Amino acid sequence: MRKSDVIGQMDAWTRLTQMVHEERLPHAMMLCGPQGSGKMALALAFANYLLCRNHTPDDEACESCPQCRMLRKWEHPDLHFSYPTIKLPSMGADHKPVSDDFAREWHAMLQEGPYFSMDQWMTAIGADNQQAIITAGESDALVRKLSLKSSQGGYKVSIIWLPERMNIECANKLLKLIEEPPQNTVFIMVSEEPDKLLETIRSRTQRIDIRWTDAESIATALAERYGLGSESATRLARLANGSWLAAVRELENDSENADFLADYQQLMRLAYQRNVRELKRWSEQMQGYGREKQKRFMDYFMRLTRENFMYNFGDPDLNYMTEKEEAFASKFARFVNEGNVIAMTETAEKVQRDIKQNANAKIVFFDFALRVIMLLLQK
């Protein structure tokens, strides 16, 4: 894992490596930013940089020293990971889950890439409706691991993913460890909600804010890694709004989004024609999607409605649509205006609430379709 594997964020990388060059590297730092911005990718690349024994002239890990070879599979003995876990039925009543209990799943996820979400992690460990936390057992394990002498004679690095999920007992124990850190130990916390951490922990770490990734870097990565053409990559990067995870999700959900566009087009055309009979069939079709997919469609409905409204301003920089979506908007956008765009969004939000509350989907969507007829008449 090298800095070239991180998408964008070179300002943050320069700041990190500069601290090393100037010999003012803090023993505890916290990378804070939104999901998909590349915090974990930065943390992994920087950990690799700290543990590498032979940097290249342009501040890259060499990838050839024994340390780098171990890091290809994230099996370096001086690199320790902490992350939220759940309690499995097979665990004893007194057992406090620790990261080592899920090491196989964690390493498998890292091998797939440094960009992932909490939802993906919960799926990987087979969590149903459990709340994943970092337990006091984890802080005890960290104390034992970090008290040992460095295996390779350099830094010992502890990466803590989502430290805001520590329970209070774990947080208090970690605070003591940060106040009196073992020699040559560097803590790298990767946080999405730092305000949920104890103030005493936040005050003892150097915070580095990670912003959304710039669209140009995302577009370049999409072209290189997925072979997209320049225009397609640029459009997708704009849709991602600074999140690499969102860009990849758009790629993976391309077929679903195509279905949603067809559903959206059908709804609007039938509503404009006031074809109640066919709208009833449309609502039956939506009923068959299942609750989660229904909620995703309503998210799509709100986004595309907003984009159609913005299309009327005639400024391409304001629009975030695929080519097919834009082709539809060129004919339909005039029907979404100041008189109905807010009401359409509010009506869609109500549909989502009804779906979450297990209302009859067929009735909800048929009522929604009839309301769309009335909203299209407003100017």
Protein backbone atom coordinates (compact mmCIF):
# COMPACT_ATOMS: atom_id res chain seq x y z
CA MET A 1 0.00 0.00 0.00
CA ARG A 2 1.66 3.19 -1.21
CA LYS A 3 0.68 6.83 -1.57
CA SER A 4 -0.01 6.17 -5.26
CA ASP A 5 -2.83 3.83 -4.16
CA VAL A 6 -4.57 6.72 -2.39
CA ILE A 7 -7.02 8.62 -4.59
CA GLY A 8 -6.28 12.32 -4.27
CA GLN A 9 -5.54 13.68 -0.76
CA MET A 10 -1.96 14.59 -1.58
CA ASP A 11 -2.10 17.70 0.63
CA ALA A 12 -2.81 15.48 3.62
CA TRP A 13 -0.07 13.06 2.56
CA THR A 14 2.46 15.88 2.31
CA ARG A 15 1.51 17.06 5.78
CA LEU A 16 1.97 13.57 7.22
CA THR A 17 5.37 12.92 5.65
CA GLN A 18 6.56 16.42 6.47
CA MET A 19 6.04 15.70 10.17
CA VAL A 20 8.32 12.69 9.79
CA HIS A 21 11.02 14.67 7.97
CA GLU A 22 10.91 17.42 10.58
CA GLU A 23 11.02 14.87 13.42
CA ARG A 24 7.81 16.14 14.99
CA LEU A 25 5.61 13.10 14.39
CA PRO A 26 2.96 12.98 17.15
CA HIS A 27 2.50 9.71 19.00
CA ALA A 28 -1.28 9.93 18.42
CA MET A 29 -3.12 11.42 15.44
CA MET A 30 -6.69 11.28 14.21
CA LEU A 31 -7.68 11.37 10.55
CA CYS A 32 -11.22 12.77 10.44
CA GLY A 33 -13.49 12.95 7.43
CA PRO A 34 -16.64 11.69 5.73
CA GLN A 35 -17.16 8.13 4.57
CA GLY A 36 -15.50 7.44 1.23
CA SER A 37 -13.01 10.31 1.43
CA GLY A 38 -10.01 8.00 1.76
CA LYS A 39 -9.11 8.27 5.46
CA MET A 40 -8.40 4.57 5.83
CA ALA A 41 -6.42 4.48 2.59
CA LEU A 42 -4.26 7.32 3.91
CA ALA A 43 -3.81 5.60 7.27
CA LEU A 44 -2.72 2.34 5.63
CA ALA A 45 -0.35 4.05 3.21
CA PHE A 46 1.18 6.12 6.01
CA ALA A 47 1.57 3.05 8.23
CA ASN A 48 3.36 1.33 5.33
CA TYR A 49 5.55 4.43 4.96
CA LEU A 50 6.47 4.44 8.67
CA LEU A 51 7.31 0.74 8.71
CA CYS A 52 9.23 0.71 5.41
CA ARG A 53 12.99 0.82 5.87
CA ASN A 54 13.94 2.10 2.41
CA HIS A 55 11.85 5.02 1.12
CA THR A 56 12.04 6.11 -2.49
CA PRO A 57 13.16 9.69 -3.32
CA ASP A 58 9.54 10.77 -3.90
CA ASP A 59 8.40 9.65 -0.44
CA GLU A 60 6.97 6.26 -1.41
CA ALA A 61 7.33 2.98 0.43
CA CYS A 62 9.86 0.92 -1.51
CA GLU A 63 7.73 -2.27 -1.81
CA SER A 64 10.91 -4.36 -1.85
CA CYS A 65 12.27 -4.39 1.71
CA PRO A 66 11.26 -7.26 4.04
CA GLN A 67 8.86 -4.94 5.88
CA CYS A 68 7.03 -3.94 2.70
CA ARG A 69 6.79 -7.56 1.59
CA MET A 70 5.06 -8.41 4.87
CA LEU A 71 2.74 -5.44 4.46
CA ARG A 72 1.46 -6.70 1.10
CA LYS A 73 -0.75 -9.04 3.12
CA TRP A 74 -0.90 -6.74 6.17
CA GLU A 75 0.96 -9.29 8.27
CA HIS A 76 3.68 -7.05 9.72
CA PRO A 77 4.18 -7.95 13.43
CA ASP A 78 4.49 -4.27 14.42
CA LEU A 79 1.22 -3.20 12.79
CA HIS A 80 -1.90 -3.64 14.92
CA PHE A 81 -5.52 -3.08 13.92
CA SER A 82 -8.47 -2.29 16.16
CA TYR A 83 -12.01 -2.06 14.81
CA PRO A 84 -15.65 -2.53 15.85
CA THR A 85 -16.74 -6.11 16.50
CA ILE A 86 -19.83 -8.04 17.55
CA LYS A 87 -20.43 -10.91 19.93
CA LEU A 88 -21.00 -14.18 18.13
CA PRO A 89 -23.26 -16.92 19.54
CA SER A 90 -20.22 -19.19 19.76
CA MET A 91 -18.44 -16.85 22.19
CA GLY A 92 -18.59 -17.47 25.91
CA ALA A 93 -20.69 -15.31 28.19
CA ASP A 94 -17.64 -13.67 29.75
CA HIS A 95 -15.75 -13.17 26.51
CA LYS A 96 -15.25 -9.59 25.38
CA PRO A 97 -14.95 -9.62 21.58
CA VAL A 98 -11.64 -8.29 20.24
CA SER A 99 -10.36 -7.55 16.77
CA ASP A 100 -8.31 -10.74 16.66
CA ASP A 101 -11.58 -12.70 16.73
CA PHE A 102 -12.32 -11.33 13.25
CA ALA A 103 -8.77 -11.09 11.86
CA ARG A 104 -9.51 -13.38 8.91
CA GLU A 105 -12.48 -11.28 7.77
CA TRP A 106 -10.55 -8.04 8.33
CA HIS A 107 -7.55 -9.11 6.28
CA ALA A 108 -9.83 -10.37 3.51
CA MET A 109 -11.47 -6.94 3.36
CA LEU A 110 -8.12 -5.13 3.29
CA GLN A 111 -6.95 -7.36 0.45
CA GLU A 112 -9.97 -6.22 -1.57
CA GLY A 113 -8.96 -2.59 -1.13
CA PRO A 114 -8.60 0.23 1.42
CA TYR A 115 -11.99 1.82 0.66
CA PHE A 116 -14.89 0.27 2.55
CA SER A 117 -17.80 1.23 4.78
CA MET A 118 -19.22 0.11 8.09
CA ASP A 119 -22.09 -1.57 6.24
CA GLN A 120 -19.62 -3.63 4.22
CA TRP A 121 -17.78 -4.62 7.38
CA MET A 122 -21.00 -5.66 9.11
CA THR A 123 -21.86 -7.83 6.12
CA ALA A 124 -18.39 -9.39 6.15
CA ILE A 125 -18.67 -10.48 9.80
CA GLY A 126 -22.24 -11.71 9.43
CA ALA A 127 -23.84 -9.15 11.73
CA ASP A 128 -27.61 -9.00 11.60
CA ASN A 129 -29.07 -6.24 13.75
CA GLN A 130 -26.25 -6.09 16.28
CA GLN A 131 -24.43 -2.92 17.24
CA ALA A 132 -20.71 -3.20 16.51
CA ILE A 133 -18.46 -1.68 19.18
CA ILE A 134 -14.85 -1.70 20.34
CA THR A 135 -14.83 -3.36 23.75
CA ALA A 136 -12.63 -3.03 26.81
CA GLY A 137 -11.10 -6.36 25.81
CA GLU A 138 -9.59 -4.59 22.79
CA SER A 139 -7.78 -2.00 24.91
CA ASP A 140 -6.43 -4.78 27.13
CA ALA A 141 -5.17 -6.61 24.04
CA LEU A 142 -3.53 -3.41 22.75
CA VAL A 143 -1.73 -2.88 26.05
CA ARG A 144 -0.27 -6.40 25.81
CA LYS A 145 0.75 -6.05 22.15
CA LEU A 146 2.30 -2.59 22.42
CA SER A 147 4.22 -3.43 25.58
CA LEU A 148 6.37 -5.80 23.52
CA LYS A 149 9.56 -4.57 21.89
CA SER A 150 9.36 -3.72 18.20
CA SER A 151 9.94 -6.88 16.17
CA GLN A 152 11.70 -5.04 13.36
CA GLY A 153 13.46 -2.38 15.40
CA GLY A 154 11.36 0.54 14.15
CA TYR A 155 7.95 1.98 14.84
CA LYS A 156 5.00 0.12 16.30
CA VAL A 157 1.82 1.34 14.62
CA SER A 158 -1.71 0.99 15.96
CA ILE A 159 -4.52 1.81 13.50
CA ILE A 160 -7.88 2.25 15.23
CA TRP A 161 -10.78 2.32 12.77
CA LEU A 162 -13.86 4.22 13.98
CA PRO A 163 -12.67 4.91 17.55
CA GLU A 164 -15.98 6.67 18.24
CA ARG A 165 -17.45 3.18 18.60
CA MET A 166 -15.41 2.42 21.71
CA ASN A 167 -17.47 1.79 24.82
CA ILE A 168 -16.67 3.97 27.81
CA GLU A 169 -14.54 1.32 29.55
CA CYS A 170 -12.41 0.86 26.45
CA ALA A 171 -12.09 4.62 25.90
CA ASN A 172 -10.85 5.20 29.44
CA LYS A 173 -8.25 2.44 29.16
CA LEU A 174 -7.10 3.72 25.77
CA LEU A 175 -6.79 7.22 27.23
CA LYS A 176 -4.28 5.96 29.76
CA LEU A 177 -2.35 4.19 27.01
CA ILE A 178 -2.20 7.37 24.93
CA GLU A 179 -1.11 9.42 27.94
CA GLU A 180 1.77 7.03 28.57
CA PRO A 181 2.54 5.53 25.15
CA PRO A 182 5.11 2.75 24.77
CA GLN A 183 8.32 3.82 23.09
CA ASN A 184 8.23 4.36 19.29
CA THR A 185 4.48 3.75 19.16
CA VAL A 186 2.26 5.71 16.79
CA PHE A 187 -1.54 5.65 17.10
CA ILE A 188 -3.48 6.45 13.93
CA MET A 189 -7.20 6.85 14.56
CA VAL A 190 -9.56 6.92 11.59
CA SER A 191 -12.79 8.65 12.55
CA GLU A 192 -16.04 9.72 10.88
CA GLU A 193 -17.68 11.17 13.99
CA PRO A 194 -14.85 12.51 16.19
CA ASP A 195 -17.23 14.55 18.36
CA LYS A 196 -18.51 11.28 19.83
CA LEU A 197 -15.07 10.55 21.30
CA LEU A 198 -14.10 11.53 24.81
CA GLU A 199 -12.82 15.10 24.88
CA THR A 200 -9.80 13.88 26.86
CA ILE A 201 -8.85 11.57 23.98
CA ARG A 202 -9.44 14.22 21.29
CA SER A 203 -7.26 16.68 23.18
CA ARG A 204 -4.36 14.24 23.20
CA THR A 205 -4.36 13.53 19.47
CA GLN A 206 -3.35 15.69 16.56
CA ARG A 207 -6.39 16.04 14.34
CA ILE A 208 -6.00 16.04 10.56
CA ASP A 209 -9.18 16.77 8.64
CA ILE A 210 -9.61 14.87 5.38
CA ARG A 211 -11.86 16.59 2.87
CA TRP A 212 -13.90 15.06 0.08
CA THR A 213 -11.74 13.77 -2.77
CA ASP A 214 -11.57 16.11 -5.75
CA ALA A 215 -13.56 15.07 -8.81
CA GLU A 216 -10.51 15.13 -11.09
CA SER A 217 -8.68 12.53 -8.99
CA ILE A 218 -11.77 10.30 -8.88
CA ALA A 219 -12.23 10.59 -12.65
CA THR A 220 -8.58 9.70 -13.26
CA ALA A 221 -8.82 6.67 -10.96
CA LEU A 222 -12.03 5.50 -12.64
CA ALA A 223 -10.36 5.70 -16.04
CA GLU A 224 -7.25 3.85 -14.87
CA ARG A 225 -8.89 1.17 -12.73
CA TYR A 226 -12.12 0.54 -14.62
CA GLY A 227 -11.20 1.56 -18.15
CA LEU A 228 -13.92 4.21 -18.39
CA GLY A 229 -13.81 6.81 -21.14
CA SER A 230 -13.01 10.39 -20.21
CA GLU A 231 -16.60 11.66 -20.43
CA SER A 232 -18.10 8.73 -18.53
CA ALA A 233 -15.44 8.95 -15.82
CA THR A 234 -16.00 12.69 -15.42
CA ARG A 235 -19.77 12.29 -15.16
CA LEU A 236 -19.44 9.51 -12.60
CA ALA A 237 -16.90 11.49 -10.57
CA ARG A 238 -19.32 14.41 -10.39
CA LEU A 239 -22.12 12.09 -9.28
CA ALA A 240 -19.87 10.72 -6.52
CA ASN A 241 -19.62 14.14 -4.83
CA GLY A 242 -16.13 13.50 -3.48
CA SER A 243 -16.64 9.90 -2.34
CA TRP A 244 -14.75 7.07 -4.04
CA LEU A 245 -17.12 4.61 -2.39
CA ALA A 246 -20.07 6.40 -3.98
CA ALA A 247 -18.36 6.27 -7.40
CA VAL A 248 -17.76 2.52 -7.13
CA ARG A 249 -21.29 2.01 -5.85
CA GLU A 250 -22.66 3.83 -8.89
CA LEU A 251 -20.65 1.51 -11.13
CA GLU A 252 -21.81 -1.61 -9.31
CA ASN A 253 -25.43 -0.45 -9.25
CA ASP A 254 -25.43 0.58 -12.89
CA SER A 255 -28.04 -2.03 -13.84
CA GLU A 256 -30.26 -1.13 -10.89
CA ASN A 257 -30.03 2.57 -11.69
CA ALA A 258 -31.00 1.79 -15.27
CA ASP A 259 -34.10 0.03 -13.93
CA PHE A 260 -34.86 2.96 -11.66
CA LEU A 261 -34.56 5.40 -14.57
CA ALA A 262 -37.06 3.31 -16.53
CA ASP A 263 -39.41 3.28 -13.53
CA TYR A 264 -39.05 7.04 -13.11
CA GLN A 265 -39.72 7.67 -16.80
CA GLN A 266 -42.76 5.38 -16.76
CA LEU A 267 -44.18 7.06 -13.67
CA MET A 268 -43.79 10.56 -15.08
CA ARG A 269 -45.16 9.70 -18.51
CA LEU A 270 -48.20 7.89 -17.11
CA ALA A 271 -48.82 10.67 -14.59
CA TYR A 272 -48.63 13.29 -17.35
CA GLN A 273 -51.12 11.21 -19.40
CA ARG A 274 -53.27 10.73 -16.24
CA ASN A 275 -53.40 7.03 -17.04
CA VAL A 276 -54.72 5.78 -13.70
CA ARG A 277 -55.13 2.17 -14.83
CA GLU A 278 -51.49 1.84 -15.87
CA LEU A 279 -50.33 3.71 -12.78
CA LYS A 280 -52.07 1.06 -10.71
CA ARG A 281 -50.02 -1.58 -12.54
CA TRP A 282 -46.91 0.52 -11.92
CA SER A 283 -47.63 0.55 -8.18
CA GLU A 284 -48.01 -3.25 -8.23
CA GLN A 285 -44.64 -3.51 -9.93
CA MET A 286 -43.08 -1.35 -7.23
CA GLN A 287 -44.65 -3.52 -4.54
CA GLY A 288 -42.63 -6.46 -5.83
CA TYR A 289 -39.30 -4.72 -5.25
CA GLY A 290 -39.10 -5.36 -1.52
CA ARG A 291 -38.67 -2.72 1.14
CA GLU A 292 -34.95 -1.96 0.79
CA LYS A 293 -35.11 -1.60 -2.97
CA GLN A 294 -38.23 0.55 -2.64
CA LYS A 295 -36.32 2.91 -0.35
CA ARG A 296 -33.43 3.05 -2.82
CA PHE A 297 -35.85 3.92 -5.61
CA MET A 298 -37.26 6.80 -3.59
CA ASP A 299 -33.72 8.09 -3.01
CA TYR A 300 -33.24 7.89 -6.77
CA PHE A 301 -36.57 9.63 -7.38
CA MET A 302 -35.58 12.57 -5.18
CA ARG A 303 -32.15 12.90 -6.73
CA LEU A 304 -33.38 12.80 -10.31
CA THR A 305 -36.22 15.20 -9.58
CA ARG A 306 -33.74 17.64 -8.09
CA GLU A 307 -31.43 17.24 -11.08
CA ASN A 308 -34.31 17.84 -13.52
CA PHE A 309 -35.15 21.05 -11.69
CA MET A 310 -31.52 22.21 -11.84
CA TYR A 311 -31.36 21.32 -15.54
CA ASN A 312 -33.73 24.22 -16.23
CA PHE A 313 -31.02 26.71 -15.27
CA GLY A 314 -28.98 25.72 -18.31
CA ASP A 315 -25.67 25.46 -16.43
CA PRO A 316 -23.90 22.10 -16.95
CA ASP A 317 -21.84 22.64 -13.79
CA LEU A 318 -25.01 22.39 -11.74
CA ASN A 319 -26.01 18.99 -13.07
CA TYR A 320 -24.94 15.54 -11.91
CA MET A 321 -26.58 13.07 -14.28
CA THR A 322 -25.64 10.19 -16.53
CA GLU A 323 -26.00 10.60 -20.29
CA LYS A 324 -29.29 8.68 -20.34
CA GLU A 325 -30.67 10.68 -17.42
CA GLU A 326 -29.71 13.92 -19.12
CA ALA A 327 -31.31 12.80 -22.38
CA PHE A 328 -34.59 12.30 -20.51
CA ALA A 329 -34.21 15.59 -18.65
CA SER A 330 -33.83 17.49 -21.92
CA LYS A 331 -37.48 16.65 -22.65
CA PHE A 332 -38.96 16.37 -19.16
CA ALA A 333 -37.20 18.98 -17.01
CA ARG A 334 -39.63 21.79 -17.89
CA PHE A 335 -42.34 19.97 -15.92
CA VAL A 336 -40.31 20.22 -12.68
CA ASN A 337 -40.43 23.81 -11.51
CA GLU A 338 -40.58 26.16 -8.54
CA GLY A 339 -44.26 25.32 -8.09
CA ASN A 340 -43.85 21.59 -7.51
CA VAL A 341 -40.23 20.57 -6.84
CA ILE A 342 -40.45 21.04 -3.06
CA ALA A 343 -43.80 19.27 -2.83
CA MET A 344 -42.46 16.36 -4.91
CA THR A 345 -39.53 15.93 -2.54
CA GLU A 346 -41.72 16.15 0.56
CA THR A 347 -44.16 13.63 -0.90
CA ALA A 348 -41.29 11.24 -1.69
CA GLU A 349 -39.95 11.60 1.86
CA LYS A 350 -43.38 10.67 3.21
CA VAL A 351 -43.37 7.56 1.01
CA GLN A 352 -40.02 6.56 2.48
CA ARG A 353 -41.34 7.00 6.02
CA ASP A 354 -44.40 4.89 5.20
CA ILE A 355 -42.22 2.14 3.74
CA LYS A 356 -39.99 2.10 6.83
CA GLN A 357 -43.13 1.71 8.94
CA ASN A 358 -44.21 -1.35 6.92
CA ALA A 359 -47.20 0.28 5.28
CA ASN A 360 -48.85 -1.58 2.39
CA ALA A 361 -46.49 -0.79 -0.50
CA LYS A 362 -49.12 -1.16 -3.22
CA ILE A 363 -51.38 1.42 -1.58
CA VAL A 364 -48.47 3.74 -0.76
CA PHE A 365 -47.12 3.78 -4.31
CA PHE A 366 -50.55 4.09 -5.94
CA ASP A 367 -51.34 7.06 -3.71
CA PHE A 368 -47.93 8.49 -4.56
CA ALA A 369 -48.56 8.10 -8.30
CA LEU A 370 -51.90 9.91 -8.04
CA ARG A 371 -50.23 12.76 -6.15
CA VAL A 372 -47.59 13.03 -8.87
CA ILE A 373 -50.44 13.63 -11.38
CA MET A 374 -51.59 16.63 -9.36
CA LEU A 375 -48.05 17.93 -8.79
CA LEU A 376 -47.23 17.90 -12.52
CA LEU A 377 -50.18 20.25 -13.05
CA GLN A 378 -48.69 22.86 -10.72
CA LYS A 379 -46.70 25.71 -12.19
